[in-house]
Amino acid sequence: MDFLDFSTYDLETWTAFFKEHWLVLIIALIVLLLIVRIVKTVVKWAIVAAIVLGIVLYSGYSMDDLKEMGSKVADTVKQEAVNAMVGEAKDATFVNNGDGTFTVKTTNVELTGEPGVNEVAVSFRGAPLGKWELDSTIQALIDQAKQNG
């Protein structure tokens, strides 16, 4: 069962779901909006994820559906980071940290690595995405940042 395949859901199914669960959905929406407006850290997204997970479990999705959804979200964030690397390369800055590491920064992406090592730590909009192996896109960003000065 593909959780994104809503083609089998008709208007009656959706209407029945919203009629049965409207109160829980409204409360969850209000809590999410409050959290997004009040909390300014990465913890905000953990709370949001927990609430969304609770709603998803409440609505009957299986753990396999959630794992698939999580991997799709991770892939989407990674693709956004790669797109930002490509689009923001002209504004990238290269900093030699003095401890044998370097940092490349753009508006949304930050890479930290060591010369000669085949991986860099990647952060996107301040949230760490882990260590990524160097590929042509990352290397091009590093090279462009060096040229930018």
N, C-alpha and C. Protein backbone atom coordinates (compact mmCIF):
# COMPACT_ATOMS: atom_id res chain seq x y z
N MET A 1 0.84 -1.19 0.00
CA MET A 1 0.00 0.00 0.00
C MET A 1 0.88 1.24 0.00
N ASP A 2 0.81 2.03 -1.01
CA ASP A 2 1.57 3.26 -1.11
C ASP A 2 0.77 4.37 -0.45
N PHE A 3 1.31 4.95 0.63
CA PHE A 3 0.56 5.92 1.40
C PHE A 3 0.31 7.22 0.63
N LEU A 4 1.06 7.46 -0.43
CA LEU A 4 0.84 8.66 -1.22
C LEU A 4 -0.14 8.44 -2.37
N ASP A 5 -0.62 7.24 -2.53
CA ASP A 5 -1.58 6.93 -3.58
C ASP A 5 -2.98 7.15 -3.04
N PHE A 6 -3.45 8.38 -3.14
CA PHE A 6 -4.77 8.71 -2.64
C PHE A 6 -5.85 8.54 -3.71
N SER A 7 -5.48 7.98 -4.85
CA SER A 7 -6.45 7.83 -5.94
C SER A 7 -7.56 6.86 -5.58
N THR A 8 -7.31 5.97 -4.61
CA THR A 8 -8.36 5.02 -4.22
C THR A 8 -9.31 5.63 -3.19
N TYR A 9 -8.98 6.82 -2.69
CA TYR A 9 -9.83 7.50 -1.71
C TYR A 9 -10.81 8.38 -2.47
N ASP A 10 -12.08 8.20 -2.18
CA ASP A 10 -13.07 9.06 -2.80
C ASP A 10 -13.47 10.16 -1.82
N LEU A 11 -14.31 11.06 -2.25
CA LEU A 11 -14.73 12.18 -1.43
C LEU A 11 -15.44 11.71 -0.17
N GLU A 12 -16.19 10.63 -0.26
CA GLU A 12 -16.90 10.12 0.92
C GLU A 12 -15.93 9.64 1.99
N THR A 13 -14.84 8.99 1.58
CA THR A 13 -13.83 8.51 2.53
C THR A 13 -13.21 9.68 3.27
N TRP A 14 -12.80 10.71 2.51
CA TRP A 14 -12.20 11.89 3.13
C TRP A 14 -13.19 12.60 4.04
N THR A 15 -14.42 12.75 3.58
CA THR A 15 -15.44 13.42 4.38
C THR A 15 -15.68 12.68 5.68
N ALA A 16 -15.78 11.36 5.61
CA ALA A 16 -15.99 10.56 6.82
C ALA A 16 -14.81 10.68 7.77
N PHE A 17 -13.59 10.66 7.24
CA PHE A 17 -12.40 10.79 8.09
C PHE A 17 -12.41 12.13 8.81
N PHE A 18 -12.65 13.22 8.07
CA PHE A 18 -12.63 14.55 8.69
C PHE A 18 -13.78 14.73 9.67
N LYS A 19 -14.95 14.15 9.38
CA LYS A 19 -16.07 14.25 10.32
C LYS A 19 -15.77 13.51 11.62
N GLU A 20 -15.13 12.36 11.51
CA GLU A 20 -14.84 11.56 12.70
C GLU A 20 -13.69 12.13 13.53
N HIS A 21 -12.73 12.78 12.87
CA HIS A 21 -11.51 13.19 13.56
C HIS A 21 -11.28 14.70 13.53
N TRP A 22 -12.29 15.49 13.28
CA TRP A 22 -12.10 16.93 13.11
C TRP A 22 -11.52 17.59 14.35
N LEU A 23 -11.94 17.19 15.51
CA LEU A 23 -11.46 17.84 16.73
C LEU A 23 -9.97 17.59 16.94
N VAL A 24 -9.55 16.34 16.76
CA VAL A 24 -8.13 16.01 16.92
C VAL A 24 -7.30 16.75 15.88
N LEU A 25 -7.76 16.81 14.65
CA LEU A 25 -7.03 17.49 13.59
C LEU A 25 -6.92 19.00 13.85
N ILE A 26 -7.98 19.63 14.34
CA ILE A 26 -7.96 21.06 14.65
C ILE A 26 -6.99 21.34 15.80
N ILE A 27 -7.06 20.52 16.85
CA ILE A 27 -6.15 20.70 17.99
C ILE A 27 -4.71 20.53 17.54
N ALA A 28 -4.43 19.50 16.75
CA ALA A 28 -3.07 19.28 16.27
C ALA A 28 -2.59 20.45 15.41
N LEU A 29 -3.45 20.98 14.57
CA LEU A 29 -3.09 22.12 13.73
C LEU A 29 -2.77 23.35 14.57
N ILE A 30 -3.58 23.62 15.58
CA ILE A 30 -3.34 24.76 16.46
C ILE A 30 -2.02 24.60 17.21
N VAL A 31 -1.77 23.41 17.74
CA VAL A 31 -0.52 23.15 18.45
C VAL A 31 0.67 23.31 17.52
N LEU A 32 0.57 22.79 16.31
CA LEU A 32 1.66 22.93 15.34
C LEU A 32 1.93 24.39 15.02
N LEU A 33 0.89 25.17 14.80
CA LEU A 33 1.07 26.58 14.49
C LEU A 33 1.73 27.32 15.66
N LEU A 34 1.30 27.02 16.88
CA LEU A 34 1.90 27.65 18.06
C LEU A 34 3.38 27.29 18.18
N ILE A 35 3.69 26.02 17.99
CA ILE A 35 5.08 25.58 18.11
C ILE A 35 5.95 26.25 17.05
N VAL A 36 5.48 26.31 15.82
CA VAL A 36 6.26 26.90 14.75
C VAL A 36 6.49 28.39 15.01
N ARG A 37 5.51 29.08 15.59
CA ARG A 37 5.66 30.52 15.86
C ARG A 37 6.50 30.80 17.11
N ILE A 38 6.43 29.94 18.11
CA ILE A 38 7.08 30.23 19.39
C ILE A 38 8.49 29.66 19.46
N VAL A 39 8.67 28.40 19.15
CA VAL A 39 9.96 27.74 19.31
C VAL A 39 10.84 28.07 18.11
N LYS A 40 12.07 28.49 18.35
CA LYS A 40 12.95 28.95 17.28
C LYS A 40 14.14 28.04 17.02
N THR A 41 14.14 26.84 17.50
CA THR A 41 15.30 25.96 17.36
C THR A 41 14.93 24.70 16.60
N VAL A 42 15.92 23.86 16.46
CA VAL A 42 15.71 22.57 15.79
C VAL A 42 14.75 21.70 16.60
N VAL A 43 14.68 21.96 17.91
CA VAL A 43 13.75 21.21 18.76
C VAL A 43 12.33 21.37 18.24
N LYS A 44 12.05 22.54 17.67
CA LYS A 44 10.73 22.80 17.10
C LYS A 44 10.36 21.71 16.11
N TRP A 45 11.30 21.37 15.25
CA TRP A 45 10.99 20.39 14.20
C TRP A 45 10.86 18.99 14.79
N ALA A 46 11.55 18.71 15.88
CA ALA A 46 11.37 17.42 16.55
C ALA A 46 9.97 17.33 17.14
N ILE A 47 9.50 18.42 17.75
CA ILE A 47 8.14 18.44 18.31
C ILE A 47 7.11 18.32 17.19
N VAL A 48 7.33 19.07 16.12
CA VAL A 48 6.41 19.00 14.98
C VAL A 48 6.37 17.57 14.43
N ALA A 49 7.55 16.95 14.28
CA ALA A 49 7.60 15.58 13.77
C ALA A 49 6.87 14.62 14.69
N ALA A 50 7.01 14.80 16.01
CA ALA A 50 6.33 13.92 16.97
C ALA A 50 4.81 14.08 16.85
N ILE A 51 4.35 15.31 16.69
CA ILE A 51 2.91 15.52 16.56
C ILE A 51 2.39 14.92 15.26
N VAL A 52 3.12 15.17 14.17
CA VAL A 52 2.70 14.60 12.88
C VAL A 52 2.72 13.08 12.95
N LEU A 53 3.75 12.52 13.59
CA LEU A 53 3.82 11.06 13.76
C LEU A 53 2.61 10.56 14.54
N GLY A 54 2.25 11.27 15.61
CA GLY A 54 1.07 10.89 16.39
C GLY A 54 -0.20 10.91 15.56
N ILE A 55 -0.36 11.96 14.75
CA ILE A 55 -1.55 12.05 13.89
C ILE A 55 -1.54 10.94 12.85
N VAL A 56 -0.39 10.67 12.29
CA VAL A 56 -0.29 9.62 11.27
C VAL A 56 -0.63 8.27 11.88
N LEU A 57 -0.06 8.00 13.06
CA LEU A 57 -0.38 6.73 13.72
C LEU A 57 -1.85 6.66 14.09
N TYR A 58 -2.40 7.77 14.53
CA TYR A 58 -3.81 7.84 14.88
C TYR A 58 -4.69 7.56 13.67
N SER A 59 -4.22 7.98 12.49
CA SER A 59 -5.03 7.78 11.29
C SER A 59 -4.87 6.39 10.68
N GLY A 60 -3.92 5.58 11.20
CA GLY A 60 -3.86 4.19 10.79
C GLY A 60 -2.74 3.81 9.85
N TYR A 61 -1.74 4.66 9.63
CA TYR A 61 -0.62 4.27 8.78
C TYR A 61 0.24 3.25 9.52
N SER A 62 0.86 2.35 8.77
CA SER A 62 1.74 1.35 9.36
C SER A 62 3.16 1.90 9.49
N MET A 63 4.00 1.20 10.24
CA MET A 63 5.40 1.62 10.40
C MET A 63 6.14 1.59 9.06
N ASP A 64 5.79 0.64 8.20
CA ASP A 64 6.42 0.59 6.87
C ASP A 64 6.09 1.85 6.08
N ASP A 65 4.83 2.31 6.19
CA ASP A 65 4.43 3.54 5.52
C ASP A 65 5.24 4.72 6.05
N LEU A 66 5.44 4.75 7.38
CA LEU A 66 6.18 5.85 7.99
C LEU A 66 7.66 5.82 7.60
N LYS A 67 8.24 4.63 7.52
CA LYS A 67 9.64 4.52 7.10
C LYS A 67 9.80 5.03 5.68
N GLU A 68 8.86 4.65 4.82
CA GLU A 68 8.90 5.10 3.43
C GLU A 68 8.75 6.61 3.36
N MET A 69 7.84 7.16 4.17
CA MET A 69 7.63 8.60 4.21
C MET A 69 8.90 9.29 4.71
N GLY A 70 9.53 8.75 5.74
CA GLY A 70 10.75 9.33 6.28
C GLY A 70 11.88 9.35 5.27
N SER A 71 12.03 8.26 4.52
CA SER A 71 13.10 8.23 3.52
C SER A 71 12.80 9.21 2.38
N LYS A 72 11.53 9.38 2.03
CA LYS A 72 11.18 10.35 0.99
C LYS A 72 11.45 11.77 1.46
N VAL A 73 11.15 12.05 2.73
CA VAL A 73 11.43 13.38 3.28
C VAL A 73 12.93 13.63 3.28
N ALA A 74 13.71 12.64 3.73
CA ALA A 74 15.17 12.78 3.77
C ALA A 74 15.72 13.00 2.36
N ASP A 75 15.21 12.27 1.39
CA ASP A 75 15.65 12.44 0.01
C ASP A 75 15.30 13.83 -0.51
N THR A 76 14.13 14.33 -0.14
CA THR A 76 13.70 15.65 -0.57
C THR A 76 14.60 16.73 0.03
N VAL A 77 14.92 16.60 1.32
CA VAL A 77 15.81 17.58 1.97
C VAL A 77 17.19 17.53 1.34
N LYS A 78 17.68 16.32 1.07
CA LYS A 78 18.99 16.20 0.43
C LYS A 78 18.98 16.85 -0.95
N GLN A 79 17.92 16.64 -1.70
CA GLN A 79 17.82 17.24 -3.03
C GLN A 79 17.75 18.76 -2.93
N GLU A 80 17.03 19.29 -1.93
CA GLU A 80 16.98 20.73 -1.74
C GLU A 80 18.37 21.28 -1.42
N ALA A 81 19.12 20.56 -0.59
CA ALA A 81 20.47 20.99 -0.25
C ALA A 81 21.36 21.00 -1.48
N VAL A 82 21.26 19.98 -2.30
CA VAL A 82 22.06 19.91 -3.53
C VAL A 82 21.67 21.05 -4.47
N ASN A 83 20.38 21.31 -4.60
CA ASN A 83 19.92 22.41 -5.44
C ASN A 83 20.44 23.75 -4.93
N ALA A 84 20.46 23.91 -3.60
CA ALA A 84 20.99 25.14 -3.01
C ALA A 84 22.48 25.26 -3.29
N MET A 85 23.20 24.14 -3.23
CA MET A 85 24.63 24.18 -3.53
C MET A 85 24.87 24.69 -4.94
N VAL A 86 24.09 24.19 -5.88
CA VAL A 86 24.25 24.58 -7.28
C VAL A 86 23.85 26.05 -7.47
N GLY A 87 22.72 26.43 -6.90
CA GLY A 87 22.21 27.78 -7.11
C GLY A 87 22.97 28.86 -6.37
N GLU A 88 23.60 28.52 -5.26
CA GLU A 88 24.27 29.52 -4.43
C GLU A 88 25.79 29.48 -4.54
N ALA A 89 26.32 28.71 -5.46
CA ALA A 89 27.78 28.56 -5.58
C ALA A 89 28.48 29.88 -5.85
N LYS A 90 27.85 30.76 -6.60
CA LYS A 90 28.50 32.03 -6.94
C LYS A 90 28.71 32.91 -5.71
N ASP A 91 27.94 32.69 -4.64
CA ASP A 91 28.07 33.48 -3.41
C ASP A 91 28.78 32.72 -2.30
N ALA A 92 29.32 31.55 -2.60
CA ALA A 92 29.95 30.71 -1.58
C ALA A 92 31.25 31.32 -1.09
N THR A 93 31.53 31.12 0.19
CA THR A 93 32.79 31.58 0.77
C THR A 93 33.56 30.38 1.30
N PHE A 94 34.88 30.45 1.17
CA PHE A 94 35.77 29.38 1.63
C PHE A 94 36.60 29.94 2.77
N VAL A 95 36.61 29.22 3.91
CA VAL A 95 37.39 29.65 5.07
C VAL A 95 38.27 28.50 5.51
N ASN A 96 39.58 28.79 5.60
CA ASN A 96 40.51 27.82 6.17
C ASN A 96 40.46 28.03 7.68
N ASN A 97 40.01 27.02 8.42
CA ASN A 97 39.77 27.17 9.85
C ASN A 97 41.05 27.19 10.68
N GLY A 98 42.18 26.89 10.09
CA GLY A 98 43.44 26.94 10.81
C GLY A 98 43.77 25.68 11.60
N ASP A 99 42.82 24.78 11.70
CA ASP A 99 43.05 23.52 12.43
C ASP A 99 43.10 22.33 11.48
N GLY A 100 43.35 22.61 10.21
CA GLY A 100 43.41 21.55 9.21
C GLY A 100 42.07 21.27 8.56
N THR A 101 41.05 22.05 8.91
CA THR A 101 39.73 21.88 8.30
C THR A 101 39.38 23.15 7.54
N PHE A 102 38.34 23.03 6.72
CA PHE A 102 37.83 24.19 5.99
C PHE A 102 36.32 24.23 6.12
N THR A 103 35.76 25.39 5.87
CA THR A 103 34.31 25.56 5.88
C THR A 103 33.93 26.32 4.63
N VAL A 104 32.91 25.82 3.94
CA VAL A 104 32.33 26.51 2.79
C VAL A 104 30.91 26.88 3.20
N LYS A 105 30.57 28.16 3.03
CA LYS A 105 29.24 28.63 3.42
C LYS A 105 28.56 29.33 2.25
N THR A 106 27.27 29.04 2.14
CA THR A 106 26.39 29.79 1.26
C THR A 106 25.24 30.28 2.14
N THR A 107 24.24 30.85 1.55
CA THR A 107 23.10 31.32 2.32
C THR A 107 22.44 30.19 3.11
N ASN A 108 22.29 29.03 2.50
CA ASN A 108 21.55 27.93 3.11
C ASN A 108 22.38 26.70 3.46
N VAL A 109 23.58 26.58 2.89
CA VAL A 109 24.37 25.36 3.03
C VAL A 109 25.70 25.68 3.69
N GLU A 110 26.14 24.76 4.56
CA GLU A 110 27.48 24.87 5.14
C GLU A 110 28.15 23.50 5.05
N LEU A 111 29.35 23.49 4.50
CA LEU A 111 30.15 22.27 4.40
C LEU A 111 31.38 22.44 5.28
N THR A 112 31.72 21.39 6.02
CA THR A 112 32.95 21.39 6.81
C THR A 112 33.68 20.10 6.50
N GLY A 113 34.96 20.23 6.19
CA GLY A 113 35.73 19.04 5.85
C GLY A 113 37.21 19.26 6.02
N GLU A 114 37.97 18.25 5.66
CA GLU A 114 39.42 18.29 5.69
C GLU A 114 39.93 18.04 4.28
N PRO A 115 40.95 18.81 3.87
CA PRO A 115 41.53 18.55 2.55
C PRO A 115 42.04 17.12 2.45
N GLY A 116 41.76 16.48 1.34
CA GLY A 116 42.21 15.12 1.11
C GLY A 116 41.28 14.04 1.64
N VAL A 117 40.30 14.42 2.45
CA VAL A 117 39.33 13.46 2.97
C VAL A 117 38.13 13.45 2.01
N ASN A 118 37.57 12.27 1.77
CA ASN A 118 36.54 12.09 0.75
C ASN A 118 35.12 12.35 1.25
N GLU A 119 34.97 13.05 2.39
CA GLU A 119 33.63 13.35 2.86
C GLU A 119 33.63 14.69 3.59
N VAL A 120 32.44 15.32 3.63
CA VAL A 120 32.28 16.59 4.32
C VAL A 120 31.01 16.52 5.17
N ALA A 121 31.00 17.28 6.25
CA ALA A 121 29.79 17.42 7.06
C ALA A 121 28.93 18.49 6.40
N VAL A 122 27.65 18.19 6.20
CA VAL A 122 26.75 19.10 5.50
C VAL A 122 25.66 19.56 6.45
N SER A 123 25.41 20.86 6.47
CA SER A 123 24.28 21.45 7.19
C SER A 123 23.45 22.23 6.18
N PHE A 124 22.15 22.10 6.30
CA PHE A 124 21.24 22.81 5.40
C PHE A 124 20.30 23.64 6.25
N ARG A 125 20.35 24.94 6.06
CA ARG A 125 19.56 25.89 6.84
C ARG A 125 19.76 25.69 8.33
N GLY A 126 20.99 25.40 8.70
CA GLY A 126 21.35 25.27 10.11
C GLY A 126 21.13 23.89 10.70
N ALA A 127 20.50 22.99 9.98
CA ALA A 127 20.25 21.64 10.48
C ALA A 127 21.27 20.67 9.88
N PRO A 128 21.99 19.93 10.72
CA PRO A 128 22.98 19.00 10.19
C PRO A 128 22.33 17.85 9.42
N LEU A 129 22.91 17.54 8.26
CA LEU A 129 22.41 16.44 7.44
C LEU A 129 23.36 15.26 7.44
N GLY A 130 24.44 15.35 8.21
CA GLY A 130 25.38 14.24 8.31
C GLY A 130 26.57 14.42 7.39
N LYS A 131 27.34 13.37 7.27
CA LYS A 131 28.54 13.39 6.41
C LYS A 131 28.16 12.83 5.05
N TRP A 132 28.58 13.54 4.02
CA TRP A 132 28.32 13.12 2.64
C TRP A 132 29.65 12.90 1.95
N GLU A 133 29.67 11.90 1.09
CA GLU A 133 30.86 11.68 0.27
C GLU A 133 30.96 12.78 -0.77
N LEU A 134 32.19 13.15 -1.08
CA LEU A 134 32.40 14.17 -2.12
C LEU A 134 31.89 13.64 -3.45
N ASP A 135 31.11 14.45 -4.12
CA ASP A 135 30.69 14.13 -5.48
C ASP A 135 30.98 15.36 -6.33
N SER A 136 30.60 15.33 -7.58
CA SER A 136 30.95 16.43 -8.47
C SER A 136 30.29 17.74 -8.04
N THR A 137 29.07 17.68 -7.52
CA THR A 137 28.36 18.89 -7.09
C THR A 137 29.05 19.53 -5.90
N ILE A 138 29.39 18.72 -4.90
CA ILE A 138 30.05 19.24 -3.70
C ILE A 138 31.43 19.77 -4.05
N GLN A 139 32.17 19.03 -4.88
CA GLN A 139 33.51 19.48 -5.28
C GLN A 139 33.42 20.78 -6.06
N ALA A 140 32.42 20.91 -6.92
CA ALA A 140 32.25 22.15 -7.69
C ALA A 140 31.96 23.32 -6.76
N LEU A 141 31.17 23.10 -5.72
CA LEU A 141 30.88 24.16 -4.74
C LEU A 141 32.15 24.58 -4.02
N ILE A 142 32.94 23.61 -3.59
CA ILE A 142 34.20 23.90 -2.90
C ILE A 142 35.14 24.69 -3.82
N ASP A 143 35.27 24.23 -5.06
CA ASP A 143 36.15 24.91 -6.01
C ASP A 143 35.68 26.34 -6.29
N GLN A 144 34.38 26.50 -6.45
CA GLN A 144 33.82 27.84 -6.70
C GLN A 144 34.05 28.76 -5.49
N ALA A 145 33.88 28.22 -4.28
CA ALA A 145 34.11 29.01 -3.06
C ALA A 145 35.55 29.44 -2.97
N LYS A 146 36.48 28.57 -3.35
CA LYS A 146 37.91 28.93 -3.34
C LYS A 146 38.17 30.07 -4.33
N GLN A 147 37.53 30.00 -5.50
CA GLN A 147 37.71 31.04 -6.51
C GLN A 147 37.10 32.38 -6.06
N ASN A 148 35.99 32.28 -5.32
CA ASN A 148 35.32 33.49 -4.84
C ASN A 148 36.17 34.23 -3.82
N GLY A 149 37.07 33.49 -3.17
CA GLY A 149 37.96 34.12 -2.20
C GLY A 149 37.43 34.09 -0.87
